[in-house]
Amino acid sequence: MKMRMKMMMMMVMMRMMRRMVMMKMMMVVMMMMVMMMVMVMMVVVVMMKMVMVMMMVVVVMMMMVMVMMKMVMVMMMMMMMMMVMMMVMMVMMMMMMMMMMVMMMVMMMMVMMVMMGRGYRVTGHKGLLCFRSKHMTAFIEDILTRIQDLLELAPPDNGFLALLTSDDQLFMFEAAGVLIVNAESPAERKQALMRSLLQPLTDAFRLLLAKLPLAEPDERQAALADCLSHAVGFAR
């Protein structure tokens, strides 16, 4: 009996030991699984941080690209403005050159007609050289056509660049009047040429005279009055 009791106790103890070993193994396995889950979570967190860092880098690069594009656009706008300014300067230079060429052509034609003409008559008229020659009549219409743009009357604040000063325009009007009066042409032809010369001046005078009472700033009224006084001086 004692032996059996001992045998049974040993068997019970062995079973308990097996259960304890099984429980320890299960605990070890559970701890390993927990550790693996923690490691996986840490890896996931690290990867998420790396993804966020990469996204931030991409955002920074996109912002840099946008800034560079804006800088390129600003540089292009500056280059376009410089090109426009250069074109405006070139147009102004061409206009000045054309004005100088017209004045030189007028002076050269007057000198050539004086040099080539025979039997010309020289008289004094307001400090200008007046002459009468049969060679002059053929060039009067061409001269008046070429200098027509230089004789336009416009106030100084209309936004357009004046080609000549008022004194230069006065000289041009006097020179044109001298050419018409001293030409070898009938009186009717001289009257038509003089009308074509002064008609734009009278039209501009009427327009500016109508605008004078409506001008509000004093500077505007002064500019219009000055322009009207110049027109009166041109027509004398």
C-alpha atoms as a PDB file:
ATOM      1  CA  MET A   1       0.000   0.000   0.000  1.00  0.00           C
ATOM      2  CA  LYS A   2       2.741   2.345   0.879  1.00  0.00           C
ATOM      3  CA  MET A   3       4.419   1.666  -2.413  1.00  0.00           C
ATOM      4  CA  ARG A   4       1.255   2.408  -4.279  1.00  0.00           C
ATOM      5  CA  MET A   5       0.763   5.598  -2.385  1.00  0.00           C
ATOM      6  CA  LYS A   6       4.286   6.661  -3.207  1.00  0.00           C
ATOM      7  CA  MET A   7       3.777   5.724  -6.840  1.00  0.00           C
ATOM      8  CA  MET A   8       0.602   7.757  -7.048  1.00  0.00           C
ATOM      9  CA  MET A   9       2.195  10.739  -5.364  1.00  0.00           C
ATOM     10  CA  MET A  10       5.101  10.592  -7.764  1.00  0.00           C
ATOM     11  CA  MET A  11       2.746  10.412 -10.708  1.00  0.00           C
ATOM     12  CA  VAL A  12       0.792  13.383  -9.376  1.00  0.00           C
ATOM     13  CA  MET A  13       3.987  15.353  -8.871  1.00  0.00           C
ATOM     14  CA  MET A  14       5.181  14.500 -12.355  1.00  0.00           C
ATOM     15  CA  ARG A  15       1.897  15.649 -13.818  1.00  0.00           C
ATOM     16  CA  MET A  16       2.111  18.875 -11.861  1.00  0.00           C
ATOM     17  CA  MET A  17       5.696  19.393 -13.018  1.00  0.00           C
ATOM     18  CA  ARG A  18       4.619  18.772 -16.610  1.00  0.00           C
ATOM     19  CA  ARG A  19       1.856  21.299 -16.249  1.00  0.00           C
ATOM     20  CA  MET A  20       4.233  23.818 -14.735  1.00  0.00           C
ATOM     21  CA  VAL A  21       6.711  23.249 -17.560  1.00  0.00           C
ATOM     22  CA  MET A  22       3.895  23.643 -20.082  1.00  0.00           C
ATOM     23  CA  MET A  23       2.757  26.850 -18.408  1.00  0.00           C
ATOM     24  CA  LYS A  24       6.304  28.233 -18.405  1.00  0.00           C
ATOM     25  CA  MET A  25       6.691  27.373 -22.058  1.00  0.00           C
ATOM     26  CA  MET A  26       3.402  29.069 -22.825  1.00  0.00           C
ATOM     27  CA  MET A  27       4.480  32.121 -20.866  1.00  0.00           C
ATOM     28  CA  VAL A  28       7.792  32.190 -22.767  1.00  0.00           C
ATOM     29  CA  VAL A  29       5.952  31.893 -26.062  1.00  0.00           C
ATOM     30  CA  MET A  30       3.561  34.675 -25.063  1.00  0.00           C
ATOM     31  CA  MET A  31       6.448  36.885 -24.014  1.00  0.00           C
ATOM     32  CA  MET A  32       8.171  36.245 -27.324  1.00  0.00           C
ATOM     33  CA  MET A  33       4.976  37.086 -29.195  1.00  0.00           C
ATOM     34  CA  VAL A  34       4.590  40.282 -27.181  1.00  0.00           C
ATOM     35  CA  MET A  35       8.196  41.203 -27.901  1.00  0.00           C
ATOM     36  CA  MET A  36       7.676  40.503 -31.601  1.00  0.00           C
ATOM     37  CA  MET A  37       4.557  42.662 -31.635  1.00  0.00           C
ATOM     38  CA  VAL A  38       6.426  45.463 -29.873  1.00  0.00           C
ATOM     39  CA  MET A  39       9.262  45.189 -32.383  1.00  0.00           C
ATOM     40  CA  VAL A  40       6.801  45.218 -35.287  1.00  0.00           C
ATOM     41  CA  MET A  41       5.105  48.288 -33.850  1.00  0.00           C
ATOM     42  CA  MET A  42       8.458  49.993 -33.402  1.00  0.00           C
ATOM     43  CA  VAL A  43       9.403  49.165 -36.990  1.00  0.00           C
ATOM     44  CA  VAL A  44       6.049  50.508 -38.175  1.00  0.00           C
ATOM     45  CA  VAL A  45       6.524  53.705 -36.169  1.00  0.00           C
ATOM     46  CA  VAL A  46      10.044  54.158 -37.580  1.00  0.00           C
ATOM     47  CA  MET A  47       8.771  53.588 -41.104  1.00  0.00           C
ATOM     48  CA  MET A  48       5.964  56.068 -40.570  1.00  0.00           C
ATOM     49  CA  LYS A  49       8.471  58.623 -39.316  1.00  0.00           C
ATOM     50  CA  MET A  50      10.665  57.998 -42.343  1.00  0.00           C
ATOM     51  CA  VAL A  51       7.647  58.413 -44.621  1.00  0.00           C
ATOM     52  CA  MET A  52       6.766  61.686 -42.891  1.00  0.00           C
ATOM     53  CA  VAL A  53      10.347  62.898 -43.249  1.00  0.00           C
ATOM     54  CA  MET A  54      10.302  61.980 -46.940  1.00  0.00           C
ATOM     55  CA  MET A  55       7.003  63.801 -47.383  1.00  0.00           C
ATOM     56  CA  MET A  56       8.433  66.866 -45.680  1.00  0.00           C
ATOM     57  CA  VAL A  57      11.467  66.701 -47.960  1.00  0.00           C
ATOM     58  CA  VAL A  58       9.180  66.450 -50.983  1.00  0.00           C
ATOM     59  CA  VAL A  59       7.133  69.424 -49.752  1.00  0.00           C
ATOM     60  CA  VAL A  60      10.307  71.459 -49.207  1.00  0.00           C
ATOM     61  CA  MET A  61      11.548  70.555 -52.681  1.00  0.00           C
ATOM     62  CA  MET A  62       8.213  71.537 -54.195  1.00  0.00           C
ATOM     63  CA  MET A  63       8.338  74.866 -52.374  1.00  0.00           C
ATOM     64  CA  MET A  64      11.880  75.423 -53.637  1.00  0.00           C
ATOM     65  CA  VAL A  65      10.748  74.599 -57.173  1.00  0.00           C
ATOM     66  CA  MET A  66       7.853  77.051 -56.834  1.00  0.00           C
ATOM     67  CA  VAL A  67      10.204  79.752 -55.546  1.00  0.00           C
ATOM     68  CA  MET A  68      12.570  79.108 -58.437  1.00  0.00           C
ATOM     69  CA  MET A  69       9.669  79.269 -60.895  1.00  0.00           C
ATOM     70  CA  LYS A  70       8.579  82.581 -59.394  1.00  0.00           C
ATOM     71  CA  MET A  71      12.122  83.887 -59.676  1.00  0.00           C
ATOM     72  CA  VAL A  72      12.265  82.758 -63.295  1.00  0.00           C
ATOM     73  CA  MET A  73       8.934  84.475 -63.975  1.00  0.00           C
ATOM     74  CA  VAL A  74      10.171  87.684 -62.319  1.00  0.00           C
ATOM     75  CA  MET A  75      13.360  87.548 -64.381  1.00  0.00           C
ATOM     76  CA  MET A  76      11.335  86.980 -67.549  1.00  0.00           C
ATOM     77  CA  MET A  77       9.083  89.919 -66.703  1.00  0.00           C
ATOM     78  CA  MET A  78      12.133  92.087 -66.071  1.00  0.00           C
ATOM     79  CA  MET A  79      13.643  91.008 -69.380  1.00  0.00           C
ATOM     80  CA  MET A  80      10.361  91.772 -71.152  1.00  0.00           C
ATOM     81  CA  MET A  81      10.226  95.194 -69.510  1.00  0.00           C
ATOM     82  CA  MET A  82      13.808  95.852 -70.559  1.00  0.00           C
ATOM     83  CA  MET A  83      12.978  94.765 -74.111  1.00  0.00           C
ATOM     84  CA  VAL A  84       9.939  97.056 -74.152  1.00  0.00           C
ATOM     85  CA  MET A  85      12.030  99.935 -72.843  1.00  0.00           C
ATOM     86  CA  MET A  86      14.681  99.256 -75.474  1.00  0.00           C
ATOM     87  CA  MET A  87      12.016  99.162 -78.181  1.00  0.00           C
ATOM     88  CA  VAL A  88      10.565 102.454 -76.925  1.00  0.00           C
ATOM     89  CA  MET A  89      14.025 104.000 -76.901  1.00  0.00           C
ATOM     90  CA  MET A  90      14.672 102.681 -80.408  1.00  0.00           C
ATOM     91  CA  VAL A  91      11.350 104.117 -81.613  1.00  0.00           C
ATOM     92  CA  MET A  92      12.177 107.465 -80.017  1.00  0.00           C
ATOM     93  CA  MET A  93      15.627 107.435 -81.584  1.00  0.00           C
ATOM     94  CA  MET A  94      14.133 106.543 -84.972  1.00  0.00           C
ATOM     95  CA  MET A  95      11.610 109.362 -84.643  1.00  0.00           C
ATOM     96  CA  MET A  96      14.360 111.800 -83.730  1.00  0.00           C
ATOM     97  CA  MET A  97      16.478 110.571 -86.625  1.00  0.00           C
ATOM     98  CA  MET A  98      13.527 110.910 -89.005  1.00  0.00           C
ATOM     99  CA  MET A  99      12.876 114.424 -87.712  1.00  0.00           C
ATOM    100  CA  MET A 100      16.529 115.353 -88.187  1.00  0.00           C
ATOM    101  CA  MET A 101      16.557 113.763 -91.647  1.00  0.00           C
ATOM    102  CA  VAL A 102      13.436 115.720 -92.646  1.00  0.00           C
ATOM    103  CA  MET A 103      14.924 118.962 -91.399  1.00  0.00           C
ATOM    104  CA  MET A 104      18.212 118.209 -93.151  1.00  0.00           C
ATOM    105  CA  MET A 105      16.364 117.340 -96.360  1.00  0.00           C
ATOM    106  CA  VAL A 106      14.418 120.594 -96.181  1.00  0.00           C
ATOM    107  CA  MET A 107      17.566 122.580 -95.614  1.00  0.00           C
ATOM    108  CA  MET A 108      19.481 120.691 -98.306  1.00  0.00           C
ATOM    109  CA  MET A 109      16.672 121.160-100.816  1.00  0.00           C
ATOM    110  CA  MET A 110      16.506 124.843-100.038  1.00  0.00           C
ATOM    111  CA  VAL A 111      20.288 125.162-100.441  1.00  0.00           C
ATOM    112  CA  MET A 112      20.268 123.073-103.644  1.00  0.00           C
ATOM    113  CA  MET A 113      17.468 125.148-105.125  1.00  0.00           C
ATOM    114  CA  VAL A 114      19.377 128.308-104.286  1.00  0.00           C
ATOM    115  CA  MET A 115      22.601 126.893-105.759  1.00  0.00           C
ATOM    116  CA  MET A 116      20.992 125.414-108.894  1.00  0.00           C
ATOM    117  CA  GLY A 117      18.477 128.157-109.607  1.00  0.00           C
ATOM    118  CA  ARG A 118      19.223 130.877-112.076  1.00  0.00           C
ATOM    119  CA  GLY A 119      17.833 134.331-111.847  1.00  0.00           C
ATOM    120  CA  TYR A 120      16.727 133.975-108.216  1.00  0.00           C
ATOM    121  CA  ARG A 121      15.742 136.890-106.027  1.00  0.00           C
ATOM    122  CA  VAL A 122      16.864 137.208-102.395  1.00  0.00           C
ATOM    123  CA  THR A 123      14.837 139.222 -99.865  1.00  0.00           C
ATOM    124  CA  GLY A 124      14.729 139.385 -96.078  1.00  0.00           C
ATOM    125  CA  HIS A 125      11.707 138.066 -94.149  1.00  0.00           C
ATOM    126  CA  LYS A 126      11.861 137.708 -90.353  1.00  0.00           C
ATOM    127  CA  GLY A 127      15.447 136.590 -90.431  1.00  0.00           C
ATOM    128  CA  LEU A 128      14.753 133.866 -93.064  1.00  0.00           C
ATOM    129  CA  LEU A 129      16.356 133.520 -96.489  1.00  0.00           C
ATOM    130  CA  CYS A 130      13.575 134.018 -99.072  1.00  0.00           C
ATOM    131  CA  PHE A 131      14.050 133.350-102.763  1.00  0.00           C
ATOM    132  CA  ARG A 132      12.052 132.975-105.953  1.00  0.00           C
ATOM    133  CA  SER A 133      13.059 130.436-108.578  1.00  0.00           C
ATOM    134  CA  LYS A 134      11.353 128.320-111.185  1.00  0.00           C
ATOM    135  CA  HIS A 135      13.126 125.197-109.803  1.00  0.00           C
ATOM    136  CA  MET A 136      11.441 125.527-106.375  1.00  0.00           C
ATOM    137  CA  THR A 137       7.825 124.910-107.406  1.00  0.00           C
ATOM    138  CA  ALA A 138       8.284 121.208-108.139  1.00  0.00           C
ATOM    139  CA  PHE A 139       9.482 120.460-104.601  1.00  0.00           C
ATOM    140  CA  ILE A 140       7.001 122.463-102.475  1.00  0.00           C
ATOM    141  CA  GLU A 141       4.278 119.808-102.208  1.00  0.00           C
ATOM    142  CA  ASP A 142       6.819 117.102-101.343  1.00  0.00           C
ATOM    143  CA  ILE A 143       8.368 119.305 -98.656  1.00  0.00           C
ATOM    144  CA  LEU A 144       4.995 120.183 -97.107  1.00  0.00           C
ATOM    145  CA  THR A 145       3.958 116.516 -97.094  1.00  0.00           C
ATOM    146  CA  ARG A 146       7.165 115.432 -95.352  1.00  0.00           C
ATOM    147  CA  ILE A 147       6.991 118.071 -92.623  1.00  0.00           C
ATOM    148  CA  GLN A 148       3.227 117.738 -91.970  1.00  0.00           C
ATOM    149  CA  ASP A 149       3.758 115.473 -88.920  1.00  0.00           C
ATOM    150  CA  LEU A 150       6.130 118.033 -87.417  1.00  0.00           C
ATOM    151  CA  LEU A 151       3.518 120.793 -87.585  1.00  0.00           C
ATOM    152  CA  GLU A 152       0.787 119.087 -85.532  1.00  0.00           C
ATOM    153  CA  LEU A 153      -0.516 121.115 -82.610  1.00  0.00           C
ATOM    154  CA  ALA A 154      -0.895 119.135 -79.384  1.00  0.00           C
ATOM    155  CA  PRO A 155      -0.889 120.117 -75.682  1.00  0.00           C
ATOM    156  CA  PRO A 156       2.137 118.950 -73.653  1.00  0.00           C
ATOM    157  CA  ASP A 157       0.007 116.791 -71.295  1.00  0.00           C
ATOM    158  CA  ASN A 158      -1.732 114.603 -73.867  1.00  0.00           C
ATOM    159  CA  GLY A 159       0.604 111.663 -73.217  1.00  0.00           C
ATOM    160  CA  PHE A 160       2.460 111.884 -76.563  1.00  0.00           C
ATOM    161  CA  LEU A 161       6.068 112.896 -77.033  1.00  0.00           C
ATOM    162  CA  ALA A 162       6.432 116.224 -78.822  1.00  0.00           C
ATOM    163  CA  LEU A 163       8.673 115.963 -81.861  1.00  0.00           C
ATOM    164  CA  LEU A 164       9.591 119.658 -81.899  1.00  0.00           C
ATOM    165  CA  THR A 165       9.551 122.536 -79.475  1.00  0.00           C
ATOM    166  CA  SER A 166       7.237 125.504 -80.056  1.00  0.00           C
ATOM    167  CA  ASP A 167      10.149 127.615 -81.366  1.00  0.00           C
ATOM    168  CA  ASP A 168      11.120 124.870 -83.820  1.00  0.00           C
ATOM    169  CA  GLN A 169       7.507 124.561 -84.989  1.00  0.00           C
ATOM    170  CA  LEU A 170       7.335 128.344 -85.445  1.00  0.00           C
ATOM    171  CA  PHE A 171      10.438 128.176 -87.641  1.00  0.00           C
ATOM    172  CA  MET A 172       8.941 125.312 -89.663  1.00  0.00           C
ATOM    173  CA  PHE A 173       5.655 127.226 -90.183  1.00  0.00           C
ATOM    174  CA  GLU A 174       7.567 130.319 -91.286  1.00  0.00           C
ATOM    175  CA  ALA A 175       9.730 128.262 -93.638  1.00  0.00           C
ATOM    176  CA  ALA A 176       6.642 126.562 -95.127  1.00  0.00           C
ATOM    177  CA  GLY A 177       4.888 129.921 -95.556  1.00  0.00           C
ATOM    178  CA  VAL A 178       7.948 131.384 -97.255  1.00  0.00           C
ATOM    179  CA  LEU A 179       8.122 128.434 -99.643  1.00  0.00           C
ATOM    180  CA  ILE A 180       4.433 128.803-100.575  1.00  0.00           C
ATOM    181  CA  VAL A 181       4.477 132.584-100.965  1.00  0.00           C
ATOM    182  CA  ASN A 182       7.676 132.729-103.031  1.00  0.00           C
ATOM    183  CA  ALA A 183       6.829 129.802-105.308  1.00  0.00           C
ATOM    184  CA  GLU A 184       6.243 130.233-109.049  1.00  0.00           C
ATOM    185  CA  SER A 185       2.588 129.148-108.799  1.00  0.00           C
ATOM    186  CA  PRO A 186      -0.802 130.742-109.462  1.00  0.00           C
ATOM    187  CA  ALA A 187      -2.564 132.499-106.611  1.00  0.00           C
ATOM    188  CA  GLU A 188      -5.231 129.779-106.445  1.00  0.00           C
ATOM    189  CA  ARG A 189      -2.579 127.102-106.022  1.00  0.00           C
ATOM    190  CA  LYS A 190      -0.830 129.127-103.309  1.00  0.00           C
ATOM    191  CA  GLN A 191      -4.168 129.597-101.541  1.00  0.00           C
ATOM    192  CA  ALA A 192      -4.855 125.831-101.628  1.00  0.00           C
ATOM    193  CA  LEU A 193      -1.377 125.042-100.289  1.00  0.00           C
ATOM    194  CA  MET A 194      -1.736 127.601 -97.515  1.00  0.00           C
ATOM    195  CA  ARG A 195      -5.182 126.214 -96.628  1.00  0.00           C
ATOM    196  CA  SER A 196      -3.824 122.660 -96.433  1.00  0.00           C
ATOM    197  CA  LEU A 197      -0.998 123.932 -94.230  1.00  0.00           C
ATOM    198  CA  LEU A 198      -3.203 125.879 -91.790  1.00  0.00           C
ATOM    199  CA  GLN A 199      -6.372 123.732 -91.782  1.00  0.00           C
ATOM    200  CA  PRO A 200      -5.026 121.168 -89.226  1.00  0.00           C
ATOM    201  CA  LEU A 201      -3.837 124.080 -87.081  1.00  0.00           C
ATOM    202  CA  THR A 202      -7.263 125.753 -87.071  1.00  0.00           C
ATOM    203  CA  ASP A 203      -9.035 122.450 -86.336  1.00  0.00           C
ATOM    204  CA  ALA A 204      -6.735 121.765 -83.388  1.00  0.00           C
ATOM    205  CA  PHE A 205      -7.206 125.369 -82.210  1.00  0.00           C
ATOM    206  CA  ARG A 206     -11.024 124.986 -82.151  1.00  0.00           C
ATOM    207  CA  LEU A 207     -10.766 121.668 -80.296  1.00  0.00           C
ATOM    208  CA  LEU A 208      -8.409 123.024 -77.637  1.00  0.00           C
ATOM    209  CA  LEU A 209     -10.461 126.204 -77.287  1.00  0.00           C
ATOM    210  CA  ALA A 210     -13.561 124.081 -76.578  1.00  0.00           C
ATOM    211  CA  LYS A 211     -11.643 122.067 -73.955  1.00  0.00           C
ATOM    212  CA  LEU A 212     -10.253 125.139 -72.174  1.00  0.00           C
ATOM    213  CA  PRO A 213     -13.379 126.002 -70.066  1.00  0.00           C
ATOM    214  CA  LEU A 214     -13.810 122.341 -69.089  1.00  0.00           C
ATOM    215  CA  ALA A 215     -10.271 121.874 -67.777  1.00  0.00           C
ATOM    216  CA  GLU A 216     -10.342 121.686 -63.979  1.00  0.00           C
ATOM    217  CA  PRO A 217      -6.719 121.831 -62.770  1.00  0.00           C
ATOM    218  CA  ASP A 218      -4.960 125.159 -63.183  1.00  0.00           C
ATOM    219  CA  GLU A 219      -1.938 123.435 -64.703  1.00  0.00           C
ATOM    220  CA  ARG A 220      -4.150 121.902 -67.404  1.00  0.00           C
ATOM    221  CA  GLN A 221      -5.714 125.269 -68.221  1.00  0.00           C
ATOM    222  CA  ALA A 222      -2.281 126.904 -68.333  1.00  0.00           C
ATOM    223  CA  ALA A 223      -0.987 124.212 -70.691  1.00  0.00           C
ATOM    224  CA  LEU A 224      -3.988 124.603 -73.007  1.00  0.00           C
ATOM    225  CA  ALA A 225      -3.692 128.397 -72.970  1.00  0.00           C
ATOM    226  CA  ASP A 226       0.024 128.166 -73.758  1.00  0.00           C
ATOM    227  CA  CYS A 227      -0.694 125.804 -76.637  1.00  0.00           C
ATOM    228  CA  LEU A 228      -3.396 128.149 -77.979  1.00  0.00           C
ATOM    229  CA  SER A 229      -1.018 131.116 -77.817  1.00  0.00           C
ATOM    230  CA  HIS A 230       1.550 129.130 -79.790  1.00  0.00           C
ATOM    231  CA  ALA A 231      -1.106 128.326 -82.399  1.00  0.00           C
ATOM    232  CA  VAL A 232      -1.877 132.022 -82.766  1.00  0.00           C
ATOM    233  CA  GLY A 233       1.820 132.699 -83.220  1.00  0.00           C
ATOM    234  CA  PHE A 234       2.098 129.959 -85.851  1.00  0.00           C
ATOM    235  CA  ALA A 235      -0.759 131.367 -87.902  1.00  0.00           C
ATOM    236  CA  ARG A 236       0.668 134.906 -88.105  1.00  0.00           C
END
